PDB file of N, CA and C in Angstrom:
ATOM      1  N   MET A   1    -115.409 162.821 136.927  1.00  0.00           N
ATOM      2  CA  MET A   1    -115.711 161.741 136.007  1.00  0.00           C
ATOM      3  C   MET A   1    -117.218 161.499 136.053  1.00  0.00           C
ATOM      4  N   SER A   2    -117.825 161.391 134.892  1.00  0.00           N
ATOM      5  CA  SER A   2    -119.272 161.181 134.820  1.00  0.00           C
ATOM      6  C   SER A   2    -119.607 159.721 135.147  1.00  0.00           C
ATOM      7  N   THR A   3    -120.866 159.488 135.422  1.00  0.00           N
ATOM      8  CA  THR A   3    -121.335 158.132 135.723  1.00  0.00           C
ATOM      9  C   THR A   3    -121.091 157.201 134.543  1.00  0.00           C
ATOM     10  N   LYS A   4    -121.308 157.705 133.339  1.00  0.00           N
ATOM     11  CA  LYS A   4    -121.093 156.913 132.130  1.00  0.00           C
ATOM     12  C   LYS A   4    -119.628 156.502 132.010  1.00  0.00           C
ATOM     13  N   GLU A   5    -118.725 157.425 132.295  1.00  0.00           N
ATOM     14  CA  GLU A   5    -117.290 157.125 132.225  1.00  0.00           C
ATOM     15  C   GLU A   5    -116.887 156.110 133.291  1.00  0.00           C
ATOM     16  N   LYS A   6    -117.463 156.203 134.498  1.00  0.00           N
ATOM     17  CA  LYS A   6    -117.163 155.257 135.570  1.00  0.00           C
ATOM     18  C   LYS A   6    -117.615 153.849 135.185  1.00  0.00           C
ATOM     19  N   ILE A   7    -118.800 153.746 134.608  1.00  0.00           N
ATOM     20  CA  ILE A   7    -119.314 152.438 134.185  1.00  0.00           C
ATOM     21  C   ILE A   7    -118.414 151.851 133.107  1.00  0.00           C
ATOM     22  N   ARG A   8    -118.031 152.678 132.151  1.00  0.00           N
ATOM     23  CA  ARG A   8    -117.151 152.215 131.067  1.00  0.00           C
ATOM     24  C   ARG A   8    -115.813 151.744 131.635  1.00  0.00           C
ATOM     25  N   GLU A   9    -115.278 152.472 132.601  1.00  0.00           N
ATOM     26  CA  GLU A   9    -114.010 152.100 133.225  1.00  0.00           C
ATOM     27  C   GLU A   9    -114.126 150.752 133.931  1.00  0.00           C
ATOM     28  N   LYS A  10    -115.240 150.507 134.624  1.00  0.00           N
ATOM     29  CA  LYS A  10    -115.445 149.235 135.308  1.00  0.00           C
ATOM     30  C   LYS A  10    -115.533 148.086 134.305  1.00  0.00           C
ATOM     31  N   VAL A  11    -116.218 148.315 133.195  1.00  0.00           N
ATOM     32  CA  VAL A  11    -116.339 147.278 132.174  1.00  0.00           C
ATOM     33  C   VAL A  11    -114.974 146.950 131.591  1.00  0.00           C
ATOM     34  N   ILE A  12    -114.200 147.947 131.282  1.00  0.00           N
ATOM     35  CA  ILE A  12    -112.859 147.731 130.728  1.00  0.00           C
ATOM     36  C   ILE A  12    -111.988 146.984 131.727  1.00  0.00           C
ATOM     37  N   LEU A  13    -112.053 147.373 132.989  1.00  0.00           N
ATOM     38  CA  LEU A  13    -111.270 146.705 134.016  1.00  0.00           C
ATOM     39  C   LEU A  13    -111.676 145.245 134.140  1.00  0.00           C
ATOM     40  N   LYS A  14    -112.979 144.961 134.135  1.00  0.00           N
ATOM     41  CA  LYS A  14    -113.450 143.585 134.243  1.00  0.00           C
ATOM     42  C   LYS A  14    -112.980 142.767 133.047  1.00  0.00           C
ATOM     43  N   GLU A  15    -113.054 143.316 131.849  1.00  0.00           N
ATOM     44  CA  GLU A  15    -112.592 142.597 130.661  1.00  0.00           C
ATOM     45  C   GLU A  15    -111.104 142.306 130.748  1.00  0.00           C
ATOM     46  N   ALA A  16    -110.346 143.227 131.284  1.00  0.00           N
ATOM     47  CA  ALA A  16    -108.896 143.055 131.372  1.00  0.00           C
ATOM     48  C   ALA A  16    -108.510 141.988 132.387  1.00  0.00           C
ATOM     49  N   THR A  17    -109.345 141.759 133.405  1.00  0.00           N
ATOM     50  CA  THR A  17    -108.993 140.799 134.443  1.00  0.00           C
ATOM     51  C   THR A  17    -109.588 139.414 134.210  1.00  0.00           C
ATOM     52  N   THR A  18    -110.453 139.261 133.216  1.00  0.00           N
ATOM     53  CA  THR A  18    -111.044 137.968 132.905  1.00  0.00           C
ATOM     54  C   THR A  18    -110.120 137.229 131.952  1.00  0.00           C
ATOM     55  N   ARG A  19    -109.639 136.062 132.388  1.00  0.00           N
ATOM     56  CA  ARG A  19    -108.721 135.295 131.564  1.00  0.00           C
ATOM     57  C   ARG A  19    -109.485 134.237 130.796  1.00  0.00           C
ATOM     58  N   ASN A  20    -109.203 134.119 129.535  1.00  0.00           N
ATOM     59  CA  ASN A  20    -109.782 133.054 128.729  1.00  0.00           C
ATOM     60  C   ASN A  20    -108.853 131.846 128.765  1.00  0.00           C
ATOM     61  N   TYR A  21    -109.446 130.697 128.925  1.00  0.00           N
ATOM     62  CA  TYR A  21    -108.731 129.429 128.908  1.00  0.00           C
ATOM     63  C   TYR A  21    -109.069 128.714 127.602  1.00  0.00           C
ATOM     64  N   GLU A  22    -108.342 127.640 127.310  1.00  0.00           N
ATOM     65  CA  GLU A  22    -108.548 126.886 126.080  1.00  0.00           C
ATOM     66  C   GLU A  22    -108.686 125.403 126.385  1.00  0.00           C
ATOM     67  N   ILE A  23    -109.579 124.751 125.666  1.00  0.00           N
ATOM     68  CA  ILE A  23    -109.613 123.287 125.676  1.00  0.00           C
ATOM     69  C   ILE A  23    -108.819 122.823 124.459  1.00  0.00           C
ATOM     70  N   ILE A  24    -107.814 122.000 124.722  1.00  0.00           N
ATOM     71  CA  ILE A  24    -107.003 121.410 123.667  1.00  0.00           C
ATOM     72  C   ILE A  24    -107.378 119.943 123.550  1.00  0.00           C
ATOM     73  N   VAL A  25    -107.657 119.498 122.330  1.00  0.00           N
ATOM     74  CA  VAL A  25    -107.898 118.076 122.065  1.00  0.00           C
ATOM     75  C   VAL A  25    -106.674 117.536 121.342  1.00  0.00           C
ATOM     76  N   TYR A  26    -106.213 116.371 121.792  1.00  0.00           N
ATOM     77  CA  TYR A  26    -105.005 115.747 121.244  1.00  0.00           C
ATOM     78  C   TYR A  26    -105.348 114.540 120.384  1.00  0.00           C
ATOM     79  N   ASN A  27    -104.486 114.258 119.435  1.00  0.00           N
ATOM     80  CA  ASN A  27    -104.659 113.110 118.548  1.00  0.00           C
ATOM     81  C   ASN A  27    -104.449 111.813 119.319  1.00  0.00           C
ATOM     82  N   ASP A  28    -105.150 110.785 118.906  1.00  0.00           N
ATOM     83  CA  ASP A  28    -104.939 109.450 119.451  1.00  0.00           C
ATOM     84  C   ASP A  28    -105.185 108.436 118.345  1.00  0.00           C
ATOM     85  N   ASP A  29    -104.895 107.195 118.651  1.00  0.00           N
ATOM     86  CA  ASP A  29    -105.090 106.128 117.666  1.00  0.00           C
ATOM     87  C   ASP A  29    -106.360 105.330 117.929  1.00  0.00           C
ATOM     88  N   VAL A  30    -107.246 105.865 118.773  1.00  0.00           N
ATOM     89  CA  VAL A  30    -108.414 105.120 119.207  1.00  0.00           C
ATOM     90  C   VAL A  30    -109.705 105.629 118.573  1.00  0.00           C
ATOM     91  N   ASN A  31    -109.922 106.936 118.630  1.00  0.00           N
ATOM     92  CA  ASN A  31    -111.196 107.513 118.209  1.00  0.00           C
ATOM     93  C   ASN A  31    -111.277 107.738 116.706  1.00  0.00           C
ATOM     94  N   THR A  32    -112.461 107.479 116.160  1.00  0.00           N
ATOM     95  CA  THR A  32    -112.691 107.703 114.736  1.00  0.00           C
ATOM     96  C   THR A  32    -112.989 109.188 114.493  1.00  0.00           C
ATOM     97  N   PHE A  33    -112.856 109.599 113.262  1.00  0.00           N
ATOM     98  CA  PHE A  33    -113.201 110.970 112.890  1.00  0.00           C
ATOM     99  C   PHE A  33    -114.662 111.259 113.237  1.00  0.00           C
ATOM    100  N   ASP A  34    -115.533 110.307 112.906  1.00  0.00           N
ATOM    101  CA  ASP A  34    -116.963 110.510 113.176  1.00  0.00           C
ATOM    102  C   ASP A  34    -117.237 110.718 114.659  1.00  0.00           C
ATOM    103  N   HIS A  35    -116.571 109.939 115.502  1.00  0.00           N
ATOM    104  CA  HIS A  35    -116.783 110.078 116.948  1.00  0.00           C
ATOM    105  C   HIS A  35    -116.306 111.446 117.437  1.00  0.00           C
ATOM    106  N   VAL A  36    -115.134 111.869 116.985  1.00  0.00           N
ATOM    107  CA  VAL A  36    -114.599 113.180 117.392  1.00  0.00           C
ATOM    108  C   VAL A  36    -115.538 114.287 116.913  1.00  0.00           C
ATOM    109  N   ILE A  37    -115.958 114.220 115.669  1.00  0.00           N
ATOM    110  CA  ILE A  37    -116.859 115.228 115.104  1.00  0.00           C
ATOM    111  C   ILE A  37    -118.170 115.281 115.873  1.00  0.00           C
ATOM    112  N   ASP A  38    -118.783 114.129 116.079  1.00  0.00           N
ATOM    113  CA  ASP A  38    -120.058 114.080 116.816  1.00  0.00           C
ATOM    114  C   ASP A  38    -119.908 114.626 118.230  1.00  0.00           C
ATOM    115  N   THR A  39    -118.805 114.300 118.875  1.00  0.00           N
ATOM    116  CA  THR A  39    -118.573 114.760 120.249  1.00  0.00           C
ATOM    117  C   THR A  39    -118.373 116.265 120.294  1.00  0.00           C
ATOM    118  N   LEU A  40    -117.617 116.820 119.359  1.00  0.00           N
ATOM    119  CA  LEU A  40    -117.400 118.268 119.335  1.00  0.00           C
ATOM    120  C   LEU A  40    -118.705 119.020 119.067  1.00  0.00           C
ATOM    121  N   ILE A  41    -119.541 118.463 118.223  1.00  0.00           N
ATOM    122  CA  ILE A  41    -120.839 119.087 117.946  1.00  0.00           C
ATOM    123  C   ILE A  41    -121.697 119.073 119.215  1.00  0.00           C
ATOM    124  N   ARG A  42    -121.737 117.936 119.888  1.00  0.00           N
ATOM    125  CA  ARG A  42    -122.590 117.782 121.073  1.00  0.00           C
ATOM    126  C   ARG A  42    -122.062 118.577 122.269  1.00  0.00           C
ATOM    127  N   VAL A  43    -120.773 118.474 122.548  1.00  0.00           N
ATOM    128  CA  VAL A  43    -120.211 119.053 123.776  1.00  0.00           C
ATOM    129  C   VAL A  43    -119.835 120.523 123.596  1.00  0.00           C
ATOM    130  N   CYS A  44    -119.185 120.845 122.502  1.00  0.00           N
ATOM    131  CA  CYS A  44    -118.658 122.205 122.300  1.00  0.00           C
ATOM    132  C   CYS A  44    -119.565 123.078 121.450  1.00  0.00           C
ATOM    133  N   GLU A  45    -120.693 122.515 121.020  1.00  0.00           N
ATOM    134  CA  GLU A  45    -121.655 123.254 120.210  1.00  0.00           C
ATOM    135  C   GLU A  45    -121.053 123.747 118.891  1.00  0.00           C
ATOM    136  N   HIS A  46    -120.171 122.936 118.322  1.00  0.00           N
ATOM    137  CA  HIS A  46    -119.586 123.262 117.029  1.00  0.00           C
ATOM    138  C   HIS A  46    -120.600 123.004 115.922  1.00  0.00           C
ATOM    139  N   THR A  47    -120.437 123.714 114.821  1.00  0.00           N
ATOM    140  CA  THR A  47    -121.169 123.352 113.617  1.00  0.00           C
ATOM    141  C   THR A  47    -120.484 122.106 113.048  1.00  0.00           C
ATOM    142  N   PRO A  48    -121.167 121.365 112.181  1.00  0.00           N
ATOM    143  CA  PRO A  48    -120.499 120.206 111.574  1.00  0.00           C
ATOM    144  C   PRO A  48    -119.200 120.582 110.856  1.00  0.00           C
ATOM    145  N   GLU A  49    -119.184 121.742 110.221  1.00  0.00           N
ATOM    146  CA  GLU A  49    -117.978 122.182 109.510  1.00  0.00           C
ATOM    147  C   GLU A  49    -116.832 122.472 110.485  1.00  0.00           C
ATOM    148  N   GLN A  50    -117.142 123.161 111.576  1.00  0.00           N
ATOM    149  CA  GLN A  50    -116.125 123.452 112.595  1.00  0.00           C
ATOM    150  C   GLN A  50    -115.554 122.159 113.161  1.00  0.00           C
ATOM    151  N   ALA A  51    -116.445 121.248 113.505  1.00  0.00           N
ATOM    152  CA  ALA A  51    -116.012 119.994 114.109  1.00  0.00           C
ATOM    153  C   ALA A  51    -115.133 119.186 113.151  1.00  0.00           C
ATOM    154  N   GLU A  52    -115.510 119.175 111.888  1.00  0.00           N
ATOM    155  CA  GLU A  52    -114.699 118.454 110.901  1.00  0.00           C
ATOM    156  C   GLU A  52    -113.326 119.096 110.755  1.00  0.00           C
ATOM    157  N   GLN A  53    -113.286 120.422 110.692  1.00  0.00           N
ATOM    158  CA  GLN A  53    -111.998 121.117 110.578  1.00  0.00           C
ATOM    159  C   GLN A  53    -111.113 120.847 111.789  1.00  0.00           C
ATOM    160  N   CYS A  54    -111.704 120.901 112.981  1.00  0.00           N
ATOM    161  CA  CYS A  54    -110.932 120.625 114.193  1.00  0.00           C
ATOM    162  C   CYS A  54    -110.392 119.199 114.188  1.00  0.00           C
ATOM    163  N   SER A  55    -111.212 118.249 113.756  1.00  0.00           N
ATOM    164  CA  SER A  55    -110.752 116.855 113.735  1.00  0.00           C
ATOM    165  C   SER A  55    -109.583 116.677 112.761  1.00  0.00           C
ATOM    166  N   LEU A  56    -109.605 117.387 111.651  1.00  0.00           N
ATOM    167  CA  LEU A  56    -108.494 117.306 110.699  1.00  0.00           C
ATOM    168  C   LEU A  56    -107.232 117.964 111.258  1.00  0.00           C
ATOM    169  N   ILE A  57    -107.399 119.092 111.940  1.00  0.00           N
ATOM    170  CA  ILE A  57    -106.250 119.753 112.568  1.00  0.00           C
ATOM    171  C   ILE A  57    -105.638 118.845 113.630  1.00  0.00           C
ATOM    172  N   VAL A  58    -106.491 118.219 114.435  1.00  0.00           N
ATOM    173  CA  VAL A  58    -105.993 117.284 115.453  1.00  0.00           C
ATOM    174  C   VAL A  58    -105.218 116.152 114.785  1.00  0.00           C
ATOM    175  N   HIS A  59    -105.764 115.614 113.715  1.00  0.00           N
ATOM    176  CA  HIS A  59    -105.128 114.489 113.021  1.00  0.00           C
ATOM    177  C   HIS A  59    -103.764 114.860 112.445  1.00  0.00           C
ATOM    178  N   TYR A  60    -103.691 116.005 111.785  1.00  0.00           N
ATOM    179  CA  TYR A  60    -102.449 116.375 111.103  1.00  0.00           C
ATOM    180  C   TYR A  60    -101.446 117.131 111.971  1.00  0.00           C
ATOM    181  N   ASN A  61    -101.919 117.883 112.960  1.00  0.00           N
ATOM    182  CA  ASN A  61    -101.012 118.659 113.807  1.00  0.00           C
ATOM    183  C   ASN A  61    -100.807 118.057 115.188  1.00  0.00           C
ATOM    184  N   GLY A  62    -101.606 117.058 115.527  1.00  0.00           N
ATOM    185  CA  GLY A  62    -101.457 116.410 116.820  1.00  0.00           C
ATOM    186  C   GLY A  62    -102.306 117.022 117.924  1.00  0.00           C
ATOM    187  N   LYS A  63    -102.810 118.219 117.689  1.00  0.00           N
ATOM    188  CA  LYS A  63    -103.664 118.870 118.688  1.00  0.00           C
ATOM    189  C   LYS A  63    -104.384 120.046 118.054  1.00  0.00           C
ATOM    190  N   CYS A  64    -105.440 120.508 118.748  1.00  0.00           N
ATOM    191  CA  CYS A  64    -106.202 121.654 118.261  1.00  0.00           C
ATOM    192  C   CYS A  64    -106.949 122.282 119.430  1.00  0.00           C
ATOM    193  N   THR A  65    -106.963 123.610 119.461  1.00  0.00           N
ATOM    194  CA  THR A  65    -107.809 124.323 120.415  1.00  0.00           C
ATOM    195  C   THR A  65    -109.234 124.244 119.891  1.00  0.00           C
ATOM    196  N   VAL A  66    -110.116 123.628 120.668  1.00  0.00           N
ATOM    197  CA  VAL A  66    -111.488 123.438 120.210  1.00  0.00           C
ATOM    198  C   VAL A  66    -112.476 124.388 120.867  1.00  0.00           C
ATOM    199  N   LYS A  67    -112.066 125.023 121.971  1.00  0.00           N
ATOM    200  CA  LYS A  67    -112.971 125.940 122.663  1.00  0.00           C
ATOM    201  C   LYS A  67    -112.158 126.879 123.547  1.00  0.00           C
ATOM    202  N   THR A  68    -112.572 128.142 123.599  1.00  0.00           N
ATOM    203  CA  THR A  68    -111.974 129.096 124.525  1.00  0.00           C
ATOM    204  C   THR A  68    -113.092 129.721 125.346  1.00  0.00           C
ATOM    205  N   GLY A  69    -112.750 130.143 126.546  1.00  0.00           N
ATOM    206  CA  GLY A  69    -113.752 130.779 127.381  1.00  0.00           C
ATOM    207  C   GLY A  69    -113.349 130.809 128.835  1.00  0.00           C
ATOM    208  N   ILE A  70    -114.357 131.033 129.683  1.00  0.00           N
ATOM    209  CA  ILE A  70    -114.092 131.096 131.115  1.00  0.00           C
ATOM    210  C   ILE A  70    -113.930 129.679 131.661  1.00  0.00           C
ATOM    211  N   LEU A  71    -113.135 129.575 132.706  1.00  0.00           N
ATOM    212  CA  LEU A  71    -112.752 128.269 133.233  1.00  0.00           C
ATOM    213  C   LEU A  71    -113.941 127.431 133.685  1.00  0.00           C
ATOM    214  N   GLU A  72    -114.902 128.033 134.346  1.00  0.00           N
ATOM    215  CA  GLU A  72    -116.025 127.269 134.889  1.00  0.00           C
ATOM    216  C   GLU A  72    -116.785 126.504 133.812  1.00  0.00           C
ATOM    217  N   LYS A  73    -117.069 127.149 132.698  1.00  0.00           N
ATOM    218  CA  LYS A  73    -117.797 126.470 131.612  1.00  0.00           C
ATOM    219  C   LYS A  73    -116.914 125.420 130.935  1.00  0.00           C
ATOM    220  N   LEU A  74    -115.636 125.750 130.746  1.00  0.00           N
ATOM    221  CA  LEU A  74    -114.742 124.821 130.057  1.00  0.00           C
ATOM    222  C   LEU A  74    -114.501 123.554 130.860  1.00  0.00           C
ATOM    223  N   LYS A  75    -114.504 123.655 132.188  1.00  0.00           N
ATOM    224  CA  LYS A  75    -114.311 122.457 133.020  1.00  0.00           C
ATOM    225  C   LYS A  75    -115.374 121.413 132.714  1.00  0.00           C
ATOM    226  N   GLN A  76    -116.610 121.857 132.616  1.00  0.00           N
ATOM    227  CA  GLN A  76    -117.712 120.929 132.326  1.00  0.00           C
ATOM    228  C   GLN A  76    -117.543 120.303 130.947  1.00  0.00           C
ATOM    229  N   GLN A  77    -117.198 121.134 129.973  1.00  0.00           N
ATOM    230  CA  GLN A  77    -117.053 120.626 128.610  1.00  0.00           C
ATOM    231  C   GLN A  77    -115.861 119.681 128.494  1.00  0.00           C
ATOM    232  N   CYS A  78    -114.760 120.017 129.135  1.00  0.00           N
ATOM    233  CA  CYS A  78    -113.578 119.155 129.074  1.00  0.00           C
ATOM    234  C   CYS A  78    -113.874 117.807 129.720  1.00  0.00           C
ATOM    235  N   THR A  79    -114.590 117.820 130.825  1.00  0.00           N
ATOM    236  CA  THR A  79    -114.976 116.570 131.485  1.00  0.00           C
ATOM    237  C   THR A  79    -115.813 115.707 130.545  1.00  0.00           C
ATOM    238  N   GLN A  80    -116.727 116.317 129.817  1.00  0.00           N
ATOM    239  CA  GLN A  80    -117.561 115.566 128.877  1.00  0.00           C
ATOM    240  C   GLN A  80    -116.728 115.002 127.732  1.00  0.00           C
ATOM    241  N   LEU A  81    -115.749 115.764 127.261  1.00  0.00           N
ATOM    242  CA  LEU A  81    -114.867 115.258 126.202  1.00  0.00           C
ATOM    243  C   LEU A  81    -114.073 114.057 126.701  1.00  0.00           C
ATOM    244  N   LEU A  82    -113.555 114.151 127.918  1.00  0.00           N
ATOM    245  CA  LEU A  82    -112.797 113.045 128.496  1.00  0.00           C
ATOM    246  C   LEU A  82    -113.685 111.816 128.696  1.00  0.00           C
ATOM    247  N   GLU A  83    -114.909 112.035 129.174  1.00  0.00           N
ATOM    248  CA  GLU A  83    -115.848 110.924 129.363  1.00  0.00           C
ATOM    249  C   GLU A  83    -116.196 110.248 128.042  1.00  0.00           C
ATOM    250  N   ALA A  84    -116.126 110.996 126.948  1.00  0.00           N
ATOM    251  CA  ALA A  84    -116.398 110.445 125.619  1.00  0.00           C
ATOM    252  C   ALA A  84    -115.174 109.727 125.047  1.00  0.00           C
ATOM    253  N   GLY A  85    -114.067 109.755 125.785  1.00  0.00           N
ATOM    254  CA  GLY A  85    -112.869 109.020 125.358  1.00  0.00           C
ATOM    255  C   GLY A  85    -111.851 109.852 124.608  1.00  0.00           C
ATOM    256  N   LEU A  86    -112.099 111.162 124.466  1.00  0.00           N
ATOM    257  CA  LEU A  86    -111.132 112.013 123.794  1.00  0.00           C
ATOM    258  C   LEU A  86    -110.021 112.396 124.766  1.00  0.00           C
ATOM    259  N   SER A  87    -108.882 112.708 124.230  1.00  0.00           N
ATOM    260  CA  SER A  87    -107.751 113.177 125.033  1.00  0.00           C
ATOM    261  C   SER A  87    -107.768 114.702 124.985  1.00  0.00           C
ATOM    262  N   ALA A  88    -108.037 115.328 126.142  1.00  0.00           N
ATOM    263  CA  ALA A  88    -108.202 116.780 126.174  1.00  0.00           C
ATOM    264  C   ALA A  88    -107.710 117.341 127.496  1.00  0.00           C
ATOM    265  N   GLU A  89    -107.358 118.615 127.469  1.00  0.00           N
ATOM    266  CA  GLU A  89    -106.985 119.330 128.693  1.00  0.00           C
ATOM    267  C   GLU A  89    -107.285 120.803 128.543  1.00  0.00           C
ATOM    268  N   ILE A  90    -107.354 121.484 129.664  1.00  0.00           N
ATOM    269  CA  ILE A  90    -107.552 122.931 129.688  1.00  0.00           C
ATOM    270  C   ILE A  90    -106.217 123.571 129.980  1.00  0.00           C
ATOM    271  N   ILE A  91    -105.888 124.597 129.179  1.00  0.00           N
ATOM    272  CA  ILE A  91    -104.662 125.359 129.456  1.00  0.00           C
ATOM    273  C   ILE A  91    -105.011 126.827 129.574  1.00  0.00           C
TER     274      ILE A  91
END
């Protein structure tokens, strides 16, 4: 096996073992659309359009996946969402 093939194999193996997690935001009767949108833009780095779409999905479906990624980064973002008063969890 060539060095190039070994490197490619390691990359594929690493990708296969890295699990992506999701931050789910749940609907509530407390937060306004503007607050949810502003928070998603600030914490999750959403565009205004993304944040608005997510807020509508949360409103009509009761929940929405707002971010996916590695657990370490999502923990920080989920904590910030919770501190902002949103109902969220990582799954």
